[in-house]
């Protein structure tokens, strides 16, 4: 009886060990995905900053064009 219960316990332990390993693999995959997404987000944020800088430069050029245009009208 004791041996039978020990075998059942061992089998149950093996099942839980397999489940724990699956969960560890899932966690590892989620961590990798999170890192990938964080890098993607960082790249997108960098792109946004670059676009904002270009927008500011374009606004400055447009302001200069307006100023030159106004100056030409005065002359």
PDB file of N, CA and C in Angstrom:
ATOM      1  N   UNK A   1       0.826  -1.193   0.000  1.00  0.00           N
ATOM      2  CA  UNK A   1       0.000   0.000   0.000  1.00  0.00           C
ATOM      3  C   UNK A   1       0.868   1.254   0.000  1.00  0.00           C
ATOM      4  N   UNK A   2       1.890   1.257   0.875  1.00  0.00           N
ATOM      5  CA  UNK A   2       2.774   2.414   0.957  1.00  0.00           C
ATOM      6  C   UNK A   2       3.507   2.629  -0.367  1.00  0.00           C
ATOM      7  N   UNK A   3       3.969   1.515  -0.945  1.00  0.00           N
ATOM      8  CA  UNK A   3       4.699   1.598  -2.216  1.00  0.00           C
ATOM      9  C   UNK A   3       3.789   2.121  -3.318  1.00  0.00           C
ATOM     10  N   UNK A   4       2.536   1.689  -3.306  1.00  0.00           N
ATOM     11  CA  UNK A   4       1.581   2.134  -4.317  1.00  0.00           C
ATOM     12  C   UNK A   4       1.318   3.634  -4.176  1.00  0.00           C
ATOM     13  N   UNK A   5       1.154   4.092  -2.934  1.00  0.00           N
ATOM     14  CA  UNK A   5       0.945   5.523  -2.697  1.00  0.00           C
ATOM     15  C   UNK A   5       2.185   6.329  -3.084  1.00  0.00           C
ATOM     16  N   UNK A   6       3.358   5.761  -2.836  1.00  0.00           N
ATOM     17  CA  UNK A   6       4.601   6.443  -3.199  1.00  0.00           C
ATOM     18  C   UNK A   6       4.715   6.596  -4.711  1.00  0.00           C
ATOM     19  N   UNK A   7       4.329   5.544  -5.427  1.00  0.00           N
ATOM     20  CA  UNK A   7       4.376   5.602  -6.892  1.00  0.00           C
ATOM     21  C   UNK A   7       3.387   6.637  -7.407  1.00  0.00           C
ATOM     22  N   UNK A   8       2.174   6.655  -6.844  1.00  0.00           N
ATOM     23  CA  UNK A   8       1.177   7.654  -7.248  1.00  0.00           C
ATOM     24  C   UNK A   8       1.688   9.065  -6.958  1.00  0.00           C
ATOM     25  N   UNK A   9       2.300   9.214  -5.795  1.00  0.00           N
ATOM     26  CA  UNK A   9       2.862  10.520  -5.435  1.00  0.00           C
ATOM     27  C   UNK A   9       3.964  10.938  -6.391  1.00  0.00           C
ATOM     28  N   UNK A  10       4.804   9.980  -6.762  1.00  0.00           N
ATOM     29  CA  UNK A  10       5.890  10.275  -7.686  1.00  0.00           C
ATOM     30  C   UNK A  10       5.341  10.666  -9.057  1.00  0.00           C
ATOM     31  N   UNK A  11       4.334   9.937  -9.522  1.00  0.00           N
ATOM     32  CA  UNK A  11       3.714  10.247 -10.818  1.00  0.00           C
ATOM     33  C   UNK A  11       3.094  11.645 -10.776  1.00  0.00           C
ATOM     34  N   UNK A  12       2.418  11.944  -9.675  1.00  0.00           N
ATOM     35  CA  UNK A  12       1.808  13.271  -9.517  1.00  0.00           C
ATOM     36  C   UNK A  12       2.887  14.361  -9.507  1.00  0.00           C
ATOM     37  N   UNK A  13       3.984  14.080  -8.822  1.00  0.00           N
ATOM     38  CA  UNK A  13       5.100  15.029  -8.774  1.00  0.00           C
ATOM     39  C   UNK A  13       5.669  15.262 -10.171  1.00  0.00           C
ATOM     40  N   UNK A  14       5.792  14.201 -10.946  1.00  0.00           N
ATOM     41  CA  UNK A  14       6.296  14.322 -12.317  1.00  0.00           C
ATOM     42  C   UNK A  14       5.362  15.185 -13.161  1.00  0.00           C
ATOM     43  N   UNK A  15       4.049  14.996 -12.988  1.00  0.00           N
ATOM     44  CA  UNK A  15       3.081  15.814 -13.732  1.00  0.00           C
ATOM     45  C   UNK A  15       3.258  17.289 -13.396  1.00  0.00           C
ATOM     46  N   UNK A  16       3.398  17.575 -12.108  1.00  0.00           N
ATOM     47  CA  UNK A  16       3.569  18.969 -11.680  1.00  0.00           C
ATOM     48  C   UNK A  16       4.897  19.534 -12.169  1.00  0.00           C
ATOM     49  N   UNK A  17       5.916  18.706 -12.200  1.00  0.00           N
ATOM     50  CA  UNK A  17       7.217  19.150 -12.700  1.00  0.00           C
ATOM     51  C   UNK A  17       7.112  19.550 -14.171  1.00  0.00           C
ATOM     52  N   UNK A  18       6.397  18.749 -14.949  1.00  0.00           N
ATOM     53  CA  UNK A  18       6.193  19.061 -16.367  1.00  0.00           C
ATOM     54  C   UNK A  18       5.398  20.360 -16.509  1.00  0.00           C
ATOM     55  N   UNK A  19       4.354  20.521 -15.709  1.00  0.00           N
ATOM     56  CA  UNK A  19       3.539  21.743 -15.763  1.00  0.00           C
ATOM     57  C   UNK A  19       4.366  22.974 -15.391  1.00  0.00           C
ATOM     58  N   UNK A  20       5.189  22.836 -14.370  1.00  0.00           N
ATOM     59  CA  UNK A  20       6.047  23.953 -13.949  1.00  0.00           C
ATOM     60  C   UNK A  20       7.012  24.321 -15.070  1.00  0.00           C
ATOM     61  N   UNK A  21       7.577  23.315 -15.732  1.00  0.00           N
ATOM     62  CA  UNK A  21       8.494  23.570 -16.846  1.00  0.00           C
ATOM     63  C   UNK A  21       7.770  24.310 -17.970  1.00  0.00           C
ATOM     64  N   UNK A  22       6.537  23.907 -18.268  1.00  0.00           N
ATOM     65  CA  UNK A  22       5.752  24.591 -19.302  1.00  0.00           C
ATOM     66  C   UNK A  22       5.515  26.050 -18.916  1.00  0.00           C
ATOM     67  N   UNK A  23       5.186  26.269 -17.648  1.00  0.00           N
ATOM     68  CA  UNK A  23       4.955  27.635 -17.179  1.00  0.00           C
ATOM     69  C   UNK A  23       6.233  28.466 -17.248  1.00  0.00           C
ATOM     70  N   UNK A  24       7.359  27.864 -16.906  1.00  0.00           N
ATOM     71  CA  UNK A  24       8.640  28.576 -16.999  1.00  0.00           C
ATOM     72  C   UNK A  24       8.942  28.956 -18.451  1.00  0.00           C
ATOM     73  N   UNK A  25       8.671  28.044 -19.367  1.00  0.00           N
ATOM     74  CA  UNK A  25       8.878  28.332 -20.790  1.00  0.00           C
ATOM     75  C   UNK A  25       7.962  29.468 -21.245  1.00  0.00           C
ATOM     76  N   UNK A  26       6.717  29.432 -20.789  1.00  0.00           N
ATOM     77  CA  UNK A  26       5.768  30.490 -21.132  1.00  0.00           C
ATOM     78  C   UNK A  26       6.247  31.837 -20.604  1.00  0.00           C
ATOM     79  N   UNK A  27       6.712  31.855 -19.369  1.00  0.00           N
ATOM     80  CA  UNK A  27       7.228  33.092 -18.772  1.00  0.00           C
ATOM     81  C   UNK A  27       8.432  33.592 -19.562  1.00  0.00           C
ATOM     82  N   UNK A  28       9.341  32.692 -19.910  1.00  0.00           N
ATOM     83  CA  UNK A  28      10.519  33.078 -20.695  1.00  0.00           C
ATOM     84  C   UNK A  28      10.106  33.698 -22.033  1.00  0.00           C
ATOM     85  N   UNK A  29       9.132  33.086 -22.681  1.00  0.00           N
ATOM     86  CA  UNK A  29       8.655  33.614 -23.964  1.00  0.00           C
ATOM     87  C   UNK A  29       8.004  34.984 -23.790  1.00  0.00           C
ATOM     88  N   UNK A  30       7.252  35.149 -22.718  1.00  0.00           N
ATOM     89  CA  UNK A  30       6.618  36.443 -22.459  1.00  0.00           C
ATOM     90  C   UNK A  30       7.656  37.524 -22.170  1.00  0.00           C
ATOM     91  N   UNK A  31       8.695  37.170 -21.452  1.00  0.00           N
ATOM     92  CA  UNK A  31       9.768  38.129 -21.159  1.00  0.00           C
ATOM     93  C   UNK A  31      10.462  38.539 -22.464  1.00  0.00           C
ATOM     94  N   UNK A  32      10.728  37.577 -23.331  1.00  0.00           N
ATOM     95  CA  UNK A  32      11.346  37.890 -24.628  1.00  0.00           C
ATOM     96  C   UNK A  32      10.444  38.811 -25.449  1.00  0.00           C
ATOM     97  N   UNK A  33       9.161  38.513 -25.452  1.00  0.00           N
ATOM     98  CA  UNK A  33       8.206  39.334 -26.204  1.00  0.00           C
ATOM     99  C   UNK A  33       8.136  40.746 -25.626  1.00  0.00           C
ATOM    100  N   UNK A  34       8.162  40.842 -24.312  1.00  0.00           N
ATOM    101  CA  UNK A  34       8.140  42.164 -23.671  1.00  0.00           C
ATOM    102  C   UNK A  34       9.372  42.970 -24.077  1.00  0.00           C
ATOM    103  N   UNK A  35      10.525  42.340 -24.073  1.00  0.00           N
ATOM    104  CA  UNK A  35      11.760  43.034 -24.480  1.00  0.00           C
ATOM    105  C   UNK A  35      11.676  43.493 -25.932  1.00  0.00           C
ATOM    106  N   UNK A  36      11.142  42.632 -26.784  1.00  0.00           N
ATOM    107  CA  UNK A  36      10.999  42.980 -28.199  1.00  0.00           C
ATOM    108  C   UNK A  36      10.066  44.179 -28.358  1.00  0.00           C
ATOM    109  N   UNK A  37       8.951  44.141 -27.625  1.00  0.00           N
ATOM    110  CA  UNK A  37       7.989  45.240 -27.704  1.00  0.00           C
ATOM    111  C   UNK A  37       8.561  46.537 -27.137  1.00  0.00           C
ATOM    112  N   UNK A  38       9.347  46.425 -26.071  1.00  0.00           N
ATOM    113  CA  UNK A  38       9.980  47.620 -25.505  1.00  0.00           C
ATOM    114  C   UNK A  38      10.956  48.238 -26.503  1.00  0.00           C
ATOM    115  N   UNK A  39      11.703  47.411 -27.204  1.00  0.00           N
ATOM    116  CA  UNK A  39      12.634  47.918 -28.215  1.00  0.00           C
ATOM    117  C   UNK A  39      11.866  48.567 -29.365  1.00  0.00           C
ATOM    118  N   UNK A  40      10.781  47.933 -29.774  1.00  0.00           N
ATOM    119  CA  UNK A  40       9.952  48.497 -30.841  1.00  0.00           C
ATOM    120  C   UNK A  40       9.386  49.851 -30.410  1.00  0.00           C
ATOM    121  N   UNK A  41       8.924  49.930 -29.182  1.00  0.00           N
ATOM    122  CA  UNK A  41       8.397  51.188 -28.650  1.00  0.00           C
ATOM    123  C   UNK A  41       9.484  52.257 -28.617  1.00  0.00           C
ATOM    124  N   UNK A  42      10.682  51.885 -28.191  1.00  0.00           N
ATOM    125  CA  UNK A  42      11.796  52.833 -28.135  1.00  0.00           C
ATOM    126  C   UNK A  42      12.093  53.377 -29.534  1.00  0.00           C
ATOM    127  N   UNK A  43      12.085  52.496 -30.521  1.00  0.00           N
ATOM    128  CA  UNK A  43      12.343  52.927 -31.895  1.00  0.00           C
ATOM    129  C   UNK A  43      11.246  53.861 -32.396  1.00  0.00           C
ATOM    130  N   UNK A  44      10.003  53.552 -32.061  1.00  0.00           N
ATOM    131  CA  UNK A  44       8.894  54.407 -32.475  1.00  0.00           C
ATOM    132  C   UNK A  44       8.973  55.770 -31.794  1.00  0.00           C
ATOM    133  N   UNK A  45       9.345  55.781 -30.519  1.00  0.00           N
ATOM    134  CA  UNK A  45       9.495  57.048 -29.813  1.00  0.00           C
ATOM    135  C   UNK A  45      10.613  57.877 -30.437  1.00  0.00           C
ATOM    136  N   UNK A  46      11.696  57.223 -30.834  1.00  0.00           N
ATOM    137  CA  UNK A  46      12.797  57.921 -31.497  1.00  0.00           C
ATOM    138  C   UNK A  46      12.324  58.502 -32.823  1.00  0.00           C
ATOM    139  N   UNK A  47      11.538  57.741 -33.559  1.00  0.00           N
ATOM    140  CA  UNK A  47      11.002  58.227 -34.830  1.00  0.00           C
ATOM    141  C   UNK A  47      10.097  59.433 -34.613  1.00  0.00           C
ATOM    142  N   UNK A  48       9.296  59.392 -33.577  1.00  0.00           N
ATOM    143  CA  UNK A  48       8.413  60.520 -33.255  1.00  0.00           C
ATOM    144  C   UNK A  48       9.237  61.764 -32.950  1.00  0.00           C
ATOM    145  N   UNK A  49      10.292  61.596 -32.166  1.00  0.00           N
ATOM    146  CA  UNK A  49      11.158  62.739 -31.852  1.00  0.00           C
ATOM    147  C   UNK A  49      11.785  63.320 -33.119  1.00  0.00           C
ATOM    148  N   UNK A  50      12.227  62.455 -34.011  1.00  0.00           N
ATOM    149  CA  UNK A  50      12.820  62.917 -35.265  1.00  0.00           C
ATOM    150  C   UNK A  50      11.787  63.651 -36.113  1.00  0.00           C
ATOM    151  N   UNK A  51      10.569  63.126 -36.163  1.00  0.00           N
ATOM    152  CA  UNK A  51       9.506  63.791 -36.924  1.00  0.00           C
ATOM    153  C   UNK A  51       9.154  65.143 -36.317  1.00  0.00           C
ATOM    154  N   UNK A  52       9.131  65.225 -34.996  1.00  0.00           N
ATOM    155  CA  UNK A  52       8.847  66.499 -34.342  1.00  0.00           C
ATOM    156  C   UNK A  52       9.928  67.524 -34.664  1.00  0.00           C
ATOM    157  N   UNK A  53      11.176  67.070 -34.679  1.00  0.00           N
ATOM    158  CA  UNK A  53      12.277  67.973 -35.018  1.00  0.00           C
ATOM    159  C   UNK A  53      12.145  68.456 -36.462  1.00  0.00           C
ATOM    160  N   UNK A  54      11.815  67.552 -37.363  1.00  0.00           N
ATOM    161  CA  UNK A  54      11.618  67.938 -38.761  1.00  0.00           C
ATOM    162  C   UNK A  54      10.453  68.911 -38.905  1.00  0.00           C
ATOM    163  N   UNK A  55       9.403  68.683 -38.139  1.00  0.00           N
ATOM    164  CA  UNK A  55       8.247  69.577 -38.172  1.00  0.00           C
ATOM    165  C   UNK A  55       8.645  70.981 -37.710  1.00  0.00           C
ATOM    166  N   UNK A  56       9.443  71.067 -36.666  1.00  0.00           N
ATOM    167  CA  UNK A  56       9.905  72.369 -36.180  1.00  0.00           C
ATOM    168  C   UNK A  56      10.774  73.059 -37.233  1.00  0.00           C
ATOM    169  N   UNK A  57      11.636  72.291 -37.875  1.00  0.00           N
ATOM    170  CA  UNK A  57      12.481  72.862 -38.922  1.00  0.00           C
ATOM    171  C   UNK A  57      11.632  73.356 -40.090  1.00  0.00           C
ATOM    172  N   UNK A  58      10.616  72.597 -40.446  1.00  0.00           N
ATOM    173  CA  UNK A  58       9.725  72.995 -41.531  1.00  0.00           C
ATOM    174  C   UNK A  58       8.962  74.266 -41.170  1.00  0.00           C
ATOM    175  N   UNK A  59       8.501  74.353 -39.925  1.00  0.00           N
ATOM    176  CA  UNK A  59       7.807  75.560 -39.482  1.00  0.00           C
ATOM    177  C   UNK A  59       8.733  76.768 -39.534  1.00  0.00           C
ATOM    178  N   UNK A  60       9.992  76.565 -39.173  1.00  0.00           N
ATOM    179  CA  UNK A  60      10.966  77.661 -39.233  1.00  0.00           C
ATOM    180  C   UNK A  60      11.184  78.100 -40.679  1.00  0.00           C
ATOM    181  N   UNK A  61      11.292  77.137 -41.591  1.00  0.00           N
ATOM    182  CA  UNK A  61      11.460  77.464 -43.009  1.00  0.00           C
ATOM    183  C   UNK A  61      10.235  78.208 -43.519  1.00  0.00           C
ATOM    184  N   UNK A  62       9.051  77.746 -43.150  1.00  0.00           N
ATOM    185  CA  UNK A  62       7.824  78.418 -43.586  1.00  0.00           C
ATOM    186  C   UNK A  62       7.752  79.834 -43.034  1.00  0.00           C
ATOM    187  N   UNK A  63       8.168  80.017 -41.799  1.00  0.00           N
ATOM    188  CA  UNK A  63       8.190  81.359 -41.209  1.00  0.00           C
ATOM    189  C   UNK A  63       9.151  82.259 -41.978  1.00  0.00           C
ATOM    190  N   UNK A  64      10.301  81.707 -42.334  1.00  0.00           N
ATOM    191  CA  UNK A  64      11.270  82.477 -43.117  1.00  0.00           C
ATOM    192  C   UNK A  64      10.700  82.832 -44.489  1.00  0.00           C
ATOM    193  N   UNK A  65       9.997  81.891 -45.111  1.00  0.00           N
ATOM    194  CA  UNK A  65       9.396  82.149 -46.423  1.00  0.00           C
ATOM    195  C   UNK A  65       8.360  83.259 -46.324  1.00  0.00           C
ATOM    196  N   UNK A  66       7.565  83.229 -45.270  1.00  0.00           N
ATOM    197  CA  UNK A  66       6.551  84.270 -45.070  1.00  0.00           C
ATOM    198  C   UNK A  66       7.227  85.618 -44.853  1.00  0.00           C
ATOM    199  N   UNK A  67       8.277  85.613 -44.055  1.00  0.00           N
ATOM    200  CA  UNK A  67       8.994  86.862 -43.788  1.00  0.00           C
ATOM    201  C   UNK A  67       9.593  87.419 -45.078  1.00  0.00           C
ATOM    202  N   UNK A  68      10.191  86.566 -45.892  1.00  0.00           N
ATOM    203  CA  UNK A  68      10.767  87.011 -47.164  1.00  0.00           C
ATOM    204  C   UNK A  68       9.663  87.507 -48.085  1.00  0.00           C
ATOM    205  N   UNK A  69       8.559  86.804 -48.121  1.00  0.00           N
ATOM    206  CA  UNK A  69       7.436  87.203 -48.961  1.00  0.00           C
ATOM    207  C   UNK A  69       6.906  88.568 -48.532  1.00  0.00           C
ATOM    208  N   UNK A  70       6.775  88.766 -47.237  1.00  0.00           N
ATOM    209  CA  UNK A  70       6.298  90.051 -46.726  1.00  0.00           C
ATOM    210  C   UNK A  70       7.294  91.157 -47.046  1.00  0.00           C
ATOM    211  N   UNK A  71       8.565  90.839 -46.946  1.00  0.00           N
ATOM    212  CA  UNK A  71       9.608  91.818 -47.240  1.00  0.00           C
ATOM    213  C   UNK A  71       9.562  92.211 -48.716  1.00  0.00           C
ATOM    214  N   UNK A  72       9.339  91.226 -49.577  1.00  0.00           N
ATOM    215  CA  UNK A  72       9.252  91.516 -51.009  1.00  0.00           C
ATOM    216  C   UNK A  72       8.057  92.412 -51.314  1.00  0.00           C
ATOM    217  N   UNK A  73       6.963  92.216 -50.601  1.00  0.00           N
ATOM    218  CA  UNK A  73       5.772  93.044 -50.811  1.00  0.00           C
ATOM    219  C   UNK A  73       6.038  94.483 -50.391  1.00  0.00           C
ATOM    220  N   UNK A  74       6.836  94.655 -49.356  1.00  0.00           N
ATOM    221  CA  UNK A  74       7.140  95.993 -48.857  1.00  0.00           C
ATOM    222  C   UNK A  74       8.047  96.722 -49.836  1.00  0.00           C
ATOM    223  N   UNK A  75       8.967  95.986 -50.409  1.00  0.00           N
ATOM    224  CA  UNK A  75       9.926  96.600 -51.338  1.00  0.00           C
ATOM    225  C   UNK A  75       9.208  96.839 -52.628  1.00  0.00           C
TER     226      UNK A  75
END
